[in-house]
Amino acid sequence: MIGEDISDEKDLPFKHKQGLIVKQMQNMLVKNNNKILLYKDWVYKQGKGANKKISKRLMLMNPKEIMWYHNAEEFQNGKVPLGVIKIENIYKTSETLMQEGTYDFDICVISYIKKG
């Protein structure tokens, strides 16, 4: 079936409508990938080595990167994030256990950008 053969989206079979919706979402993400937030929530991070302190951070994820801030005000005021992980730099994620009853995971990256 070729796009030119269809005069209206209503004429598409259900399977093709799903593909069209996915294609439209892909196009929207490509055009607005820095403005669309896929995920925004509070997370807890644990330091490595001698600093095993657990800290609360606001994490935001868009199609290109994961960013984190101390609080929502920093994000809303357009401040520089504490850190940024480019999605393309993630090479492994694995489930781990930090606290009982939580979903915890490690993100292994090639590199990430620290504030400043």
PDB file of N, CA and C in Angstrom:
ATOM      1  N   MET A   1       0.856  -1.172   0.000  1.00  0.00           N
ATOM      2  CA  MET A   1       0.000   0.000   0.000  1.00  0.00           C
ATOM      3  C   MET A   1       0.903   1.236   0.000  1.00  0.00           C
ATOM      4  N   ILE A   2       0.679   2.125  -0.870  1.00  0.00           N
ATOM      5  CA  ILE A   2       1.474   3.336  -1.026  1.00  0.00           C
ATOM      6  C   ILE A   2       0.670   4.513  -0.499  1.00  0.00           C
ATOM      7  N   GLY A   3       1.374   5.463   0.144  1.00  0.00           N
ATOM      8  CA  GLY A   3       0.709   6.622   0.732  1.00  0.00           C
ATOM      9  C   GLY A   3      -0.157   7.388  -0.249  1.00  0.00           C
ATOM     10  N   GLU A   4       0.253   7.415  -1.519  1.00  0.00           N
ATOM     11  CA  GLU A   4      -0.528   8.154  -2.518  1.00  0.00           C
ATOM     12  C   GLU A   4      -1.859   7.475  -2.824  1.00  0.00           C
ATOM     13  N   ASP A   5      -1.977   6.162  -2.507  1.00  0.00           N
ATOM     14  CA  ASP A   5      -3.208   5.428  -2.782  1.00  0.00           C
ATOM     15  C   ASP A   5      -4.313   5.741  -1.782  1.00  0.00           C
ATOM     16  N   ILE A   6      -3.967   6.382  -0.674  1.00  0.00           N
ATOM     17  CA  ILE A   6      -4.930   6.653   0.388  1.00  0.00           C
ATOM     18  C   ILE A   6      -5.338   8.112   0.324  1.00  0.00           C
ATOM     19  N   SER A   7      -6.638   8.347   0.263  1.00  0.00           N
ATOM     20  CA  SER A   7      -7.113   9.722   0.216  1.00  0.00           C
ATOM     21  C   SER A   7      -7.369  10.268   1.623  1.00  0.00           C
ATOM     22  N   ASP A   8      -7.584   9.377   2.599  1.00  0.00           N
ATOM     23  CA  ASP A   8      -7.895   9.805   3.954  1.00  0.00           C
ATOM     24  C   ASP A   8      -7.345   8.781   4.941  1.00  0.00           C
ATOM     25  N   GLU A   9      -6.895   9.225   6.117  1.00  0.00           N
ATOM     26  CA  GLU A   9      -6.378   8.306   7.136  1.00  0.00           C
ATOM     27  C   GLU A   9      -7.436   7.286   7.566  1.00  0.00           C
ATOM     28  N   LYS A  10      -8.700   7.661   7.478  1.00  0.00           N
ATOM     29  CA  LYS A  10      -9.784   6.753   7.895  1.00  0.00           C
ATOM     30  C   LYS A  10      -9.840   5.503   7.023  1.00  0.00           C
ATOM     31  N   ASP A  11      -9.274   5.576   5.805  1.00  0.00           N
ATOM     32  CA  ASP A  11      -9.281   4.441   4.892  1.00  0.00           C
ATOM     33  C   ASP A  11      -8.198   3.408   5.211  1.00  0.00           C
ATOM     34  N   LEU A  12      -7.262   3.766   6.107  1.00  0.00           N
ATOM     35  CA  LEU A  12      -6.177   2.853   6.452  1.00  0.00           C
ATOM     36  C   LEU A  12      -6.665   1.699   7.323  1.00  0.00           C
ATOM     37  N   PRO A  13      -6.178   0.471   7.085  1.00  0.00           N
ATOM     38  CA  PRO A  13      -6.469  -0.624   8.006  1.00  0.00           C
ATOM     39  C   PRO A  13      -5.819  -0.344   9.355  1.00  0.00           C
ATOM     40  N   PHE A  14      -6.326  -0.988  10.426  1.00  0.00           N
ATOM     41  CA  PHE A  14      -5.860  -0.722  11.789  1.00  0.00           C
ATOM     42  C   PHE A  14      -4.351  -0.869  11.929  1.00  0.00           C
ATOM     43  N   LYS A  15      -3.794  -1.929  11.361  1.00  0.00           N
ATOM     44  CA  LYS A  15      -2.349  -2.179  11.465  1.00  0.00           C
ATOM     45  C   LYS A  15      -1.556  -1.006  10.891  1.00  0.00           C
ATOM     46  N   HIS A  16      -1.998  -0.467   9.784  1.00  0.00           N
ATOM     47  CA  HIS A  16      -1.302   0.652   9.150  1.00  0.00           C
ATOM     48  C   HIS A  16      -1.500   1.942   9.949  1.00  0.00           C
ATOM     49  N   LYS A  17      -2.656   2.081  10.618  1.00  0.00           N
ATOM     50  CA  LYS A  17      -2.873   3.263  11.457  1.00  0.00           C
ATOM     51  C   LYS A  17      -1.873   3.286  12.600  1.00  0.00           C
ATOM     52  N   GLN A  18      -1.612   2.099  13.187  1.00  0.00           N
ATOM     53  CA  GLN A  18      -0.625   2.024  14.264  1.00  0.00           C
ATOM     54  C   GLN A  18       0.742   2.472  13.758  1.00  0.00           C
ATOM     55  N   GLY A  19       1.136   2.005  12.583  1.00  0.00           N
ATOM     56  CA  GLY A  19       2.414   2.397  11.995  1.00  0.00           C
ATOM     57  C   GLY A  19       2.471   3.890  11.725  1.00  0.00           C
ATOM     58  N   LEU A  20       1.350   4.456  11.269  1.00  0.00           N
ATOM     59  CA  LEU A  20       1.286   5.884  10.995  1.00  0.00           C
ATOM     60  C   LEU A  20       1.444   6.686  12.281  1.00  0.00           C
ATOM     61  N   ILE A  21       0.802   6.234  13.354  1.00  0.00           N
ATOM     62  CA  ILE A  21       0.914   6.921  14.649  1.00  0.00           C
ATOM     63  C   ILE A  21       2.352   6.886  15.140  1.00  0.00           C
ATOM     64  N   VAL A  22       2.993   5.728  15.034  1.00  0.00           N
ATOM     65  CA  VAL A  22       4.391   5.603  15.458  1.00  0.00           C
ATOM     66  C   VAL A  22       5.273   6.531  14.622  1.00  0.00           C
ATOM     67  N   LYS A  23       5.040   6.573  13.319  1.00  0.00           N
ATOM     68  CA  LYS A  23       5.825   7.442  12.433  1.00  0.00           C
ATOM     69  C   LYS A  23       5.633   8.914  12.810  1.00  0.00           C
ATOM     70  N   GLN A  24       4.390   9.302  13.122  1.00  0.00           N
ATOM     71  CA  GLN A  24       4.123  10.677  13.520  1.00  0.00           C
ATOM     72  C   GLN A  24       4.838  11.011  14.829  1.00  0.00           C
ATOM     73  N   MET A  25       4.848  10.046  15.776  1.00  0.00           N
ATOM     74  CA  MET A  25       5.549  10.256  17.041  1.00  0.00           C
ATOM     75  C   MET A  25       7.049  10.390  16.807  1.00  0.00           C
ATOM     76  N   GLN A  26       7.602   9.571  15.928  1.00  0.00           N
ATOM     77  CA  GLN A  26       9.028   9.662  15.608  1.00  0.00           C
ATOM     78  C   GLN A  26       9.367  11.031  15.020  1.00  0.00           C
ATOM     79  N   ASN A  27       8.539  11.487  14.099  1.00  0.00           N
ATOM     80  CA  ASN A  27       8.769  12.792  13.484  1.00  0.00           C
ATOM     81  C   ASN A  27       8.724  13.902  14.523  1.00  0.00           C
ATOM     82  N   MET A  28       7.752  13.806  15.464  1.00  0.00           N
ATOM     83  CA  MET A  28       7.622  14.813  16.513  1.00  0.00           C
ATOM     84  C   MET A  28       8.865  14.814  17.405  1.00  0.00           C
ATOM     85  N   LEU A  29       9.372  13.620  17.744  1.00  0.00           N
ATOM     86  CA  LEU A  29      10.561  13.537  18.584  1.00  0.00           C
ATOM     87  C   LEU A  29      11.783  14.096  17.880  1.00  0.00           C
ATOM     88  N   VAL A  30      11.929  13.824  16.594  1.00  0.00           N
ATOM     89  CA  VAL A  30      13.077  14.320  15.844  1.00  0.00           C
ATOM     90  C   VAL A  30      13.052  15.843  15.769  1.00  0.00           C
ATOM     91  N   LYS A  31      11.880  16.428  15.534  1.00  0.00           N
ATOM     92  CA  LYS A  31      11.768  17.880  15.405  1.00  0.00           C
ATOM     93  C   LYS A  31      11.921  18.599  16.738  1.00  0.00           C
ATOM     94  N   ASN A  32      11.400  17.994  17.831  1.00  0.00           N
ATOM     95  CA  ASN A  32      11.356  18.673  19.121  1.00  0.00           C
ATOM     96  C   ASN A  32      12.115  17.923  20.204  1.00  0.00           C
ATOM     97  N   ASN A  33      13.155  17.187  19.839  1.00  0.00           N
ATOM     98  CA  ASN A  33      13.759  16.265  20.792  1.00  0.00           C
ATOM     99  C   ASN A  33      14.346  16.910  22.036  1.00  0.00           C
ATOM    100  N   ASN A  34      14.697  18.162  22.019  1.00  0.00           N
ATOM    101  CA  ASN A  34      15.222  18.791  23.228  1.00  0.00           C
ATOM    102  C   ASN A  34      14.116  19.368  24.102  1.00  0.00           C
ATOM    103  N   LYS A  35      12.908  19.501  23.578  1.00  0.00           N
ATOM    104  CA  LYS A  35      11.819  20.111  24.325  1.00  0.00           C
ATOM    105  C   LYS A  35      10.875  19.086  24.947  1.00  0.00           C
ATOM    106  N   ILE A  36      10.884  17.864  24.439  1.00  0.00           N
ATOM    107  CA  ILE A  36       9.968  16.842  24.923  1.00  0.00           C
ATOM    108  C   ILE A  36      10.593  16.094  26.082  1.00  0.00           C
ATOM    109  N   LEU A  37       9.880  16.033  27.204  1.00  0.00           N
ATOM    110  CA  LEU A  37      10.351  15.263  28.346  1.00  0.00           C
ATOM    111  C   LEU A  37       9.679  13.905  28.325  1.00  0.00           C
ATOM    112  N   LEU A  38      10.486  12.852  28.269  1.00  0.00           N
ATOM    113  CA  LEU A  38       9.954  11.496  28.300  1.00  0.00           C
ATOM    114  C   LEU A  38       9.728  11.034  29.732  1.00  0.00           C
ATOM    115  N   TYR A  39      10.502  11.592  30.659  1.00  0.00           N
ATOM    116  CA  TYR A  39      10.410  11.172  32.056  1.00  0.00           C
ATOM    117  C   TYR A  39      10.878  12.319  32.945  1.00  0.00           C
ATOM    118  N   LYS A  40      10.163  12.537  34.043  1.00  0.00           N
ATOM    119  CA  LYS A  40      10.536  13.561  35.023  1.00  0.00           C
ATOM    120  C   LYS A  40      10.082  13.064  36.384  1.00  0.00           C
ATOM    121  N   ASP A  41      11.035  12.844  37.283  1.00  0.00           N
ATOM    122  CA  ASP A  41      10.676  12.356  38.614  1.00  0.00           C
ATOM    123  C   ASP A  41      11.880  12.482  39.543  1.00  0.00           C
ATOM    124  N   TRP A  42      11.611  12.308  40.812  1.00  0.00           N
ATOM    125  CA  TRP A  42      12.673  12.312  41.807  1.00  0.00           C
ATOM    126  C   TRP A  42      13.329  10.947  41.833  1.00  0.00           C
ATOM    127  N   VAL A  43      14.633  10.927  41.880  1.00  0.00           N
ATOM    128  CA  VAL A  43      15.400   9.687  41.985  1.00  0.00           C
ATOM    129  C   VAL A  43      16.425   9.860  43.105  1.00  0.00           C
ATOM    130  N   TYR A  44      16.963   8.746  43.534  1.00  0.00           N
ATOM    131  CA  TYR A  44      18.010   8.758  44.548  1.00  0.00           C
ATOM    132  C   TYR A  44      19.277   8.207  43.918  1.00  0.00           C
ATOM    133  N   LYS A  45      20.380   8.879  44.169  1.00  0.00           N
ATOM    134  CA  LYS A  45      21.652   8.423  43.628  1.00  0.00           C
ATOM    135  C   LYS A  45      22.593   8.144  44.786  1.00  0.00           C
ATOM    136  N   GLN A  46      23.461   7.181  44.561  1.00  0.00           N
ATOM    137  CA  GLN A  46      24.436   6.825  45.580  1.00  0.00           C
ATOM    138  C   GLN A  46      25.833   7.023  45.026  1.00  0.00           C
ATOM    139  N   GLY A  47      26.664   7.700  45.798  1.00  0.00           N
ATOM    140  CA  GLY A  47      28.036   7.925  45.388  1.00  0.00           C
ATOM    141  C   GLY A  47      28.833   6.635  45.390  1.00  0.00           C
ATOM    142  N   LYS A  48      29.939   6.649  44.694  1.00  0.00           N
ATOM    143  CA  LYS A  48      30.834   5.478  44.620  1.00  0.00           C
ATOM    144  C   LYS A  48      32.046   5.698  45.508  1.00  0.00           C
ATOM    145  N   GLY A  49      32.787   4.642  45.731  1.00  0.00           N
ATOM    146  CA  GLY A  49      34.028   4.726  46.495  1.00  0.00           C
ATOM    147  C   GLY A  49      33.780   5.118  47.937  1.00  0.00           C
ATOM    148  N   ALA A  50      34.579   6.079  48.422  1.00  0.00           N
ATOM    149  CA  ALA A  50      34.483   6.501  49.820  1.00  0.00           C
ATOM    150  C   ALA A  50      33.188   7.253  50.102  1.00  0.00           C
ATOM    151  N   ASN A  51      32.612   7.899  49.075  1.00  0.00           N
ATOM    152  CA  ASN A  51      31.384   8.670  49.249  1.00  0.00           C
ATOM    153  C   ASN A  51      30.168   7.816  48.871  1.00  0.00           C
ATOM    154  N   LYS A  52      29.617   7.085  49.824  1.00  0.00           N
ATOM    155  CA  LYS A  52      28.452   6.226  49.576  1.00  0.00           C
ATOM    156  C   LYS A  52      27.148   6.928  49.966  1.00  0.00           C
ATOM    157  N   LYS A  53      27.190   8.243  50.124  1.00  0.00           N
ATOM    158  CA  LYS A  53      26.031   9.020  50.534  1.00  0.00           C
ATOM    159  C   LYS A  53      24.920   8.908  49.493  1.00  0.00           C
ATOM    160  N   ILE A  54      23.665   8.797  49.974  1.00  0.00           N
ATOM    161  CA  ILE A  54      22.508   8.744  49.083  1.00  0.00           C
ATOM    162  C   ILE A  54      21.894  10.134  49.020  1.00  0.00           C
ATOM    163  N   SER A  55      21.722  10.670  47.803  1.00  0.00           N
ATOM    164  CA  SER A  55      21.190  12.014  47.595  1.00  0.00           C
ATOM    165  C   SER A  55      19.956  11.970  46.694  1.00  0.00           C
ATOM    166  N   LYS A  56      19.016  12.879  46.946  1.00  0.00           N
ATOM    167  CA  LYS A  56      17.802  12.989  46.137  1.00  0.00           C
ATOM    168  C   LYS A  56      18.062  13.990  45.014  1.00  0.00           C
ATOM    169  N   ARG A  57      17.661  13.619  43.785  1.00  0.00           N
ATOM    170  CA  ARG A  57      17.844  14.490  42.620  1.00  0.00           C
ATOM    171  C   ARG A  57      16.593  14.477  41.750  1.00  0.00           C
ATOM    172  N   LEU A  58      16.347  15.581  41.049  1.00  0.00           N
ATOM    173  CA  LEU A  58      15.278  15.634  40.048  1.00  0.00           C
ATOM    174  C   LEU A  58      15.889  15.174  38.732  1.00  0.00           C
ATOM    175  N   MET A  59      15.368  14.074  38.193  1.00  0.00           N
ATOM    176  CA  MET A  59      15.901  13.539  36.944  1.00  0.00           C
ATOM    177  C   MET A  59      14.917  13.797  35.815  1.00  0.00           C
ATOM    178  N   LEU A  60      15.450  14.250  34.698  1.00  0.00           N
ATOM    179  CA  LEU A  60      14.656  14.487  33.500  1.00  0.00           C
ATOM    180  C   LEU A  60      15.300  13.745  32.347  1.00  0.00           C
ATOM    181  N   MET A  61      14.466  13.172  31.496  1.00  0.00           N
ATOM    182  CA  MET A  61      14.996  12.463  30.337  1.00  0.00           C
ATOM    183  C   MET A  61      14.273  12.937  29.088  1.00  0.00           C
ATOM    184  N   ASN A  62      15.029  13.330  28.083  1.00  0.00           N
ATOM    185  CA  ASN A  62      14.470  13.624  26.771  1.00  0.00           C
ATOM    186  C   ASN A  62      15.058  12.604  25.802  1.00  0.00           C
ATOM    187  N   PRO A  63      14.683  12.618  24.540  1.00  0.00           N
ATOM    188  CA  PRO A  63      15.189  11.590  23.612  1.00  0.00           C
ATOM    189  C   PRO A  63      16.704  11.567  23.435  1.00  0.00           C
ATOM    190  N   LYS A  64      17.407  12.626  23.817  1.00  0.00           N
ATOM    191  CA  LYS A  64      18.850  12.677  23.604  1.00  0.00           C
ATOM    192  C   LYS A  64      19.680  12.503  24.867  1.00  0.00           C
ATOM    193  N   GLU A  65      19.112  12.853  26.050  1.00  0.00           N
ATOM    194  CA  GLU A  65      19.943  12.861  27.242  1.00  0.00           C
ATOM    195  C   GLU A  65      19.149  12.720  28.533  1.00  0.00           C
ATOM    196  N   ILE A  66      19.884  12.369  29.581  1.00  0.00           N
ATOM    197  CA  ILE A  66      19.360  12.330  30.940  1.00  0.00           C
ATOM    198  C   ILE A  66      20.057  13.449  31.697  1.00  0.00           C
ATOM    199  N   MET A  67      19.284  14.277  32.417  1.00  0.00           N
ATOM    200  CA  MET A  67      19.846  15.400  33.173  1.00  0.00           C
ATOM    201  C   MET A  67      19.363  15.301  34.613  1.00  0.00           C
ATOM    202  N   TRP A  68      20.120  15.878  35.541  1.00  0.00           N
ATOM    203  CA  TRP A  68      19.644  15.900  36.914  1.00  0.00           C
ATOM    204  C   TRP A  68      19.976  17.229  37.573  1.00  0.00           C
ATOM    205  N   TYR A  69      19.107  17.602  38.506  1.00  0.00           N
ATOM    206  CA  TYR A  69      19.185  18.873  39.226  1.00  0.00           C
ATOM    207  C   TYR A  69      18.989  18.609  40.718  1.00  0.00           C
ATOM    208  N   HIS A  70      19.372  19.582  41.553  1.00  0.00           N
ATOM    209  CA  HIS A  70      19.095  19.484  42.990  1.00  0.00           C
ATOM    210  C   HIS A  70      17.587  19.551  43.255  1.00  0.00           C
ATOM    211  N   ASN A  71      16.889  20.446  42.525  1.00  0.00           N
ATOM    212  CA  ASN A  71      15.450  20.649  42.765  1.00  0.00           C
ATOM    213  C   ASN A  71      14.762  21.167  41.502  1.00  0.00           C
ATOM    214  N   ALA A  72      13.437  21.231  41.551  1.00  0.00           N
ATOM    215  CA  ALA A  72      12.635  21.657  40.390  1.00  0.00           C
ATOM    216  C   ALA A  72      12.878  23.124  40.042  1.00  0.00           C
ATOM    217  N   GLU A  73      13.168  23.956  41.037  1.00  0.00           N
ATOM    218  CA  GLU A  73      13.387  25.386  40.782  1.00  0.00           C
ATOM    219  C   GLU A  73      14.591  25.605  39.871  1.00  0.00           C
ATOM    220  N   GLU A  74      15.647  24.822  40.064  1.00  0.00           N
ATOM    221  CA  GLU A  74      16.823  24.949  39.195  1.00  0.00           C
ATOM    222  C   GLU A  74      16.448  24.687  37.744  1.00  0.00           C
ATOM    223  N   PHE A  75      15.646  23.644  37.511  1.00  0.00           N
ATOM    224  CA  PHE A  75      15.213  23.313  36.151  1.00  0.00           C
ATOM    225  C   PHE A  75      14.317  24.404  35.582  1.00  0.00           C
ATOM    226  N   GLN A  76      13.338  24.844  36.369  1.00  0.00           N
ATOM    227  CA  GLN A  76      12.381  25.849  35.890  1.00  0.00           C
ATOM    228  C   GLN A  76      13.054  27.190  35.609  1.00  0.00           C
ATOM    229  N   ASN A  77      14.117  27.501  36.350  1.00  0.00           N
ATOM    230  CA  ASN A  77      14.822  28.775  36.142  1.00  0.00           C
ATOM    231  C   ASN A  77      15.891  28.690  35.053  1.00  0.00           C
ATOM    232  N   GLY A  78      15.982  27.535  34.386  1.00  0.00           N
ATOM    233  CA  GLY A  78      16.917  27.384  33.276  1.00  0.00           C
ATOM    234  C   GLY A  78      18.367  27.268  33.682  1.00  0.00           C
ATOM    235  N   LYS A  79      18.618  26.857  34.920  1.00  0.00           N
ATOM    236  CA  LYS A  79      20.008  26.697  35.365  1.00  0.00           C
ATOM    237  C   LYS A  79      20.662  25.497  34.699  1.00  0.00           C
ATOM    238  N   VAL A  80      21.967  25.483  34.713  1.00  0.00           N
ATOM    239  CA  VAL A  80      22.735  24.382  34.142  1.00  0.00           C
ATOM    240  C   VAL A  80      22.525  23.144  35.013  1.00  0.00           C
ATOM    241  N   PRO A  81      22.234  21.983  34.416  1.00  0.00           N
ATOM    242  CA  PRO A  81      22.039  20.776  35.228  1.00  0.00           C
ATOM    243  C   PRO A  81      23.330  20.374  35.951  1.00  0.00           C
ATOM    244  N   LEU A  82      23.166  19.619  37.046  1.00  0.00           N
ATOM    245  CA  LEU A  82      24.328  19.111  37.782  1.00  0.00           C
ATOM    246  C   LEU A  82      25.138  18.155  36.920  1.00  0.00           C
ATOM    247  N   GLY A  83      24.438  17.429  36.058  1.00  0.00           N
ATOM    248  CA  GLY A  83      25.106  16.498  35.163  1.00  0.00           C
ATOM    249  C   GLY A  83      24.209  16.117  34.009  1.00  0.00           C
ATOM    250  N   VAL A  84      24.828  15.636  32.945  1.00  0.00           N
ATOM    251  CA  VAL A  84      24.111  15.223  31.737  1.00  0.00           C
ATOM    252  C   VAL A  84      24.744  13.935  31.225  1.00  0.00           C
ATOM    253  N   ILE A  85      23.895  12.961  30.916  1.00  0.00           N
ATOM    254  CA  ILE A  85      24.359  11.745  30.263  1.00  0.00           C
ATOM    255  C   ILE A  85      23.705  11.699  28.890  1.00  0.00           C
ATOM    256  N   LYS A  86      24.501  11.694  27.854  1.00  0.00           N
ATOM    257  CA  LYS A  86      23.980  11.530  26.496  1.00  0.00           C
ATOM    258  C   LYS A  86      23.541  10.079  26.338  1.00  0.00           C
ATOM    259  N   ILE A  87      22.349   9.864  25.798  1.00  0.00           N
ATOM    260  CA  ILE A  87      21.811   8.514  25.626  1.00  0.00           C
ATOM    261  C   ILE A  87      22.773   7.645  24.820  1.00  0.00           C
ATOM    262  N   GLU A  88      23.427   8.227  23.836  1.00  0.00           N
ATOM    263  CA  GLU A  88      24.347   7.464  22.989  1.00  0.00           C
ATOM    264  C   GLU A  88      25.575   6.974  23.764  1.00  0.00           C
ATOM    265  N   ASN A  89      25.854   7.557  24.939  1.00  0.00           N
ATOM    266  CA  ASN A  89      27.009   7.154  25.735  1.00  0.00           C
ATOM    267  C   ASN A  89      26.700   6.044  26.739  1.00  0.00           C
ATOM    268  N   ILE A  90      25.429   5.609  26.823  1.00  0.00           N
ATOM    269  CA  ILE A  90      25.066   4.511  27.722  1.00  0.00           C
ATOM    270  C   ILE A  90      25.365   3.197  27.009  1.00  0.00           C
ATOM    271  N   TYR A  91      26.177   2.361  27.641  1.00  0.00           N
ATOM    272  CA  TYR A  91      26.476   1.066  27.020  1.00  0.00           C
ATOM    273  C   TYR A  91      25.917  -0.099  27.812  1.00  0.00           C
ATOM    274  N   LYS A  92      25.444   0.143  29.048  1.00  0.00           N
ATOM    275  CA  LYS A  92      24.896  -0.959  29.833  1.00  0.00           C
ATOM    276  C   LYS A  92      24.069  -0.414  30.981  1.00  0.00           C
ATOM    277  N   THR A  93      22.954  -1.062  31.252  1.00  0.00           N
ATOM    278  CA  THR A  93      22.189  -0.800  32.468  1.00  0.00           C
ATOM    279  C   THR A  93      21.962  -2.134  33.141  1.00  0.00           C
ATOM    280  N   SER A  94      21.969  -2.144  34.451  1.00  0.00           N
ATOM    281  CA  SER A  94      21.741  -3.387  35.166  1.00  0.00           C
ATOM    282  C   SER A  94      20.984  -3.113  36.453  1.00  0.00           C
ATOM    283  N   GLU A  95      20.152  -4.060  36.814  1.00  0.00           N
ATOM    284  CA  GLU A  95      19.374  -3.954  38.035  1.00  0.00           C
ATOM    285  C   GLU A  95      20.292  -4.191  39.231  1.00  0.00           C
ATOM    286  N   THR A  96      20.091  -3.429  40.282  1.00  0.00           N
ATOM    287  CA  THR A  96      20.891  -3.569  41.494  1.00  0.00           C
ATOM    288  C   THR A  96      19.977  -3.342  42.694  1.00  0.00           C
ATOM    289  N   LEU A  97      20.486  -3.462  43.893  1.00  0.00           N
ATOM    290  CA  LEU A  97      19.662  -3.252  45.080  1.00  0.00           C
ATOM    291  C   LEU A  97      20.336  -2.240  45.991  1.00  0.00           C
ATOM    292  N   MET A  98      19.701  -1.075  46.134  1.00  0.00           N
ATOM    293  CA  MET A  98      20.199  -0.040  47.014  1.00  0.00           C
ATOM    294  C   MET A  98      19.414  -0.073  48.323  1.00  0.00           C
ATOM    295  N   GLN A  99      18.075  -0.157  48.189  1.00  0.00           N
ATOM    296  CA  GLN A  99      17.190  -0.222  49.350  1.00  0.00           C
ATOM    297  C   GLN A  99      16.113  -1.257  49.081  1.00  0.00           C
ATOM    298  N   GLU A 100      15.697  -1.950  50.121  1.00  0.00           N
ATOM    299  CA  GLU A 100      14.652  -2.962  50.004  1.00  0.00           C
ATOM    300  C   GLU A 100      13.351  -2.316  49.540  1.00  0.00           C
ATOM    301  N   GLY A 101      12.649  -2.966  48.603  1.00  0.00           N
ATOM    302  CA  GLY A 101      11.348  -2.473  48.138  1.00  0.00           C
ATOM    303  C   GLY A 101      11.424  -1.364  47.107  1.00  0.00           C
ATOM    304  N   THR A 102      12.586  -1.135  46.521  1.00  0.00           N
ATOM    305  CA  THR A 102      12.714  -0.103  45.485  1.00  0.00           C
ATOM    306  C   THR A 102      13.246  -0.739  44.209  1.00  0.00           C
ATOM    307  N   TYR A 103      13.047  -0.052  43.103  1.00  0.00           N
ATOM    308  CA  TYR A 103      13.602  -0.507  41.837  1.00  0.00           C
ATOM    309  C   TYR A 103      14.858   0.310  41.583  1.00  0.00           C
ATOM    310  N   ASP A 104      15.992  -0.324  41.654  1.00  0.00           N
ATOM    311  CA  ASP A 104      17.267   0.360  41.510  1.00  0.00           C
ATOM    312  C   ASP A 104      18.033  -0.190  40.323  1.00  0.00           C
ATOM    313  N   PHE A 105      18.815   0.665  39.682  1.00  0.00           N
ATOM    314  CA  PHE A 105      19.617   0.208  38.559  1.00  0.00           C
ATOM    315  C   PHE A 105      20.879   1.042  38.436  1.00  0.00           C
ATOM    316  N   ASP A 106      21.879   0.442  37.856  1.00  0.00           N
ATOM    317  CA  ASP A 106      23.137   1.114  37.544  1.00  0.00           C
ATOM    318  C   ASP A 106      23.136   1.471  36.068  1.00  0.00           C
ATOM    319  N   ILE A 107      23.666   2.632  35.753  1.00  0.00           N
ATOM    320  CA  ILE A 107      23.845   3.042  34.360  1.00  0.00           C
ATOM    321  C   ILE A 107      25.346   3.125  34.117  1.00  0.00           C
ATOM    322  N   CYS A 108      25.839   2.347  33.170  1.00  0.00           N
ATOM    323  CA  CYS A 108      27.262   2.391  32.806  1.00  0.00           C
ATOM    324  C   CYS A 108      27.412   3.253  31.556  1.00  0.00           C
ATOM    325  N   VAL A 109      28.265   4.255  31.649  1.00  0.00           N
ATOM    326  CA  VAL A 109      28.408   5.201  30.547  1.00  0.00           C
ATOM    327  C   VAL A 109      29.867   5.322  30.117  1.00  0.00           C
ATOM    328  N   ILE A 110      30.039   5.731  28.876  1.00  0.00           N
ATOM    329  CA  ILE A 110      31.377   6.019  28.351  1.00  0.00           C
ATOM    330  C   ILE A 110      31.874   7.310  28.956  1.00  0.00           C
ATOM    331  N   SER A 111      30.986   8.312  29.004  1.00  0.00           N
ATOM    332  CA  SER A 111      31.327   9.606  29.598  1.00  0.00           C
ATOM    333  C   SER A 111      30.043  10.349  29.944  1.00  0.00           C
ATOM    334  N   TYR A 112      30.171  11.345  30.819  1.00  0.00           N
ATOM    335  CA  TYR A 112      29.050  12.221  31.104  1.00  0.00           C
ATOM    336  C   TYR A 112      29.592  13.610  31.402  1.00  0.00           C
ATOM    337  N   ILE A 113      28.699  14.591  31.383  1.00  0.00           N
ATOM    338  CA  ILE A 113      29.109  15.987  31.538  1.00  0.00           C
ATOM    339  C   ILE A 113      28.724  16.450  32.932  1.00  0.00           C
ATOM    340  N   LYS A 114      29.705  16.933  33.702  1.00  0.00           N
ATOM    341  CA  LYS A 114      29.438  17.483  35.020  1.00  0.00           C
ATOM    342  C   LYS A 114      29.202  18.981  34.899  1.00  0.00           C
ATOM    343  N   LYS A 115      28.472  19.540  35.864  1.00  0.00           N
ATOM    344  CA  LYS A 115      28.200  20.975  35.880  1.00  0.00           C
ATOM    345  C   LYS A 115      29.506  21.750  35.856  1.00  0.00           C
ATOM    346  N   GLY A 116      29.550  22.791  35.026  1.00  0.00           N
ATOM    347  CA  GLY A 116      30.732  23.646  34.947  1.00  0.00           C
ATOM    348  C   GLY A 116      31.792  23.009  34.108  1.00  0.00           C
TER     349      GLY A 116
END
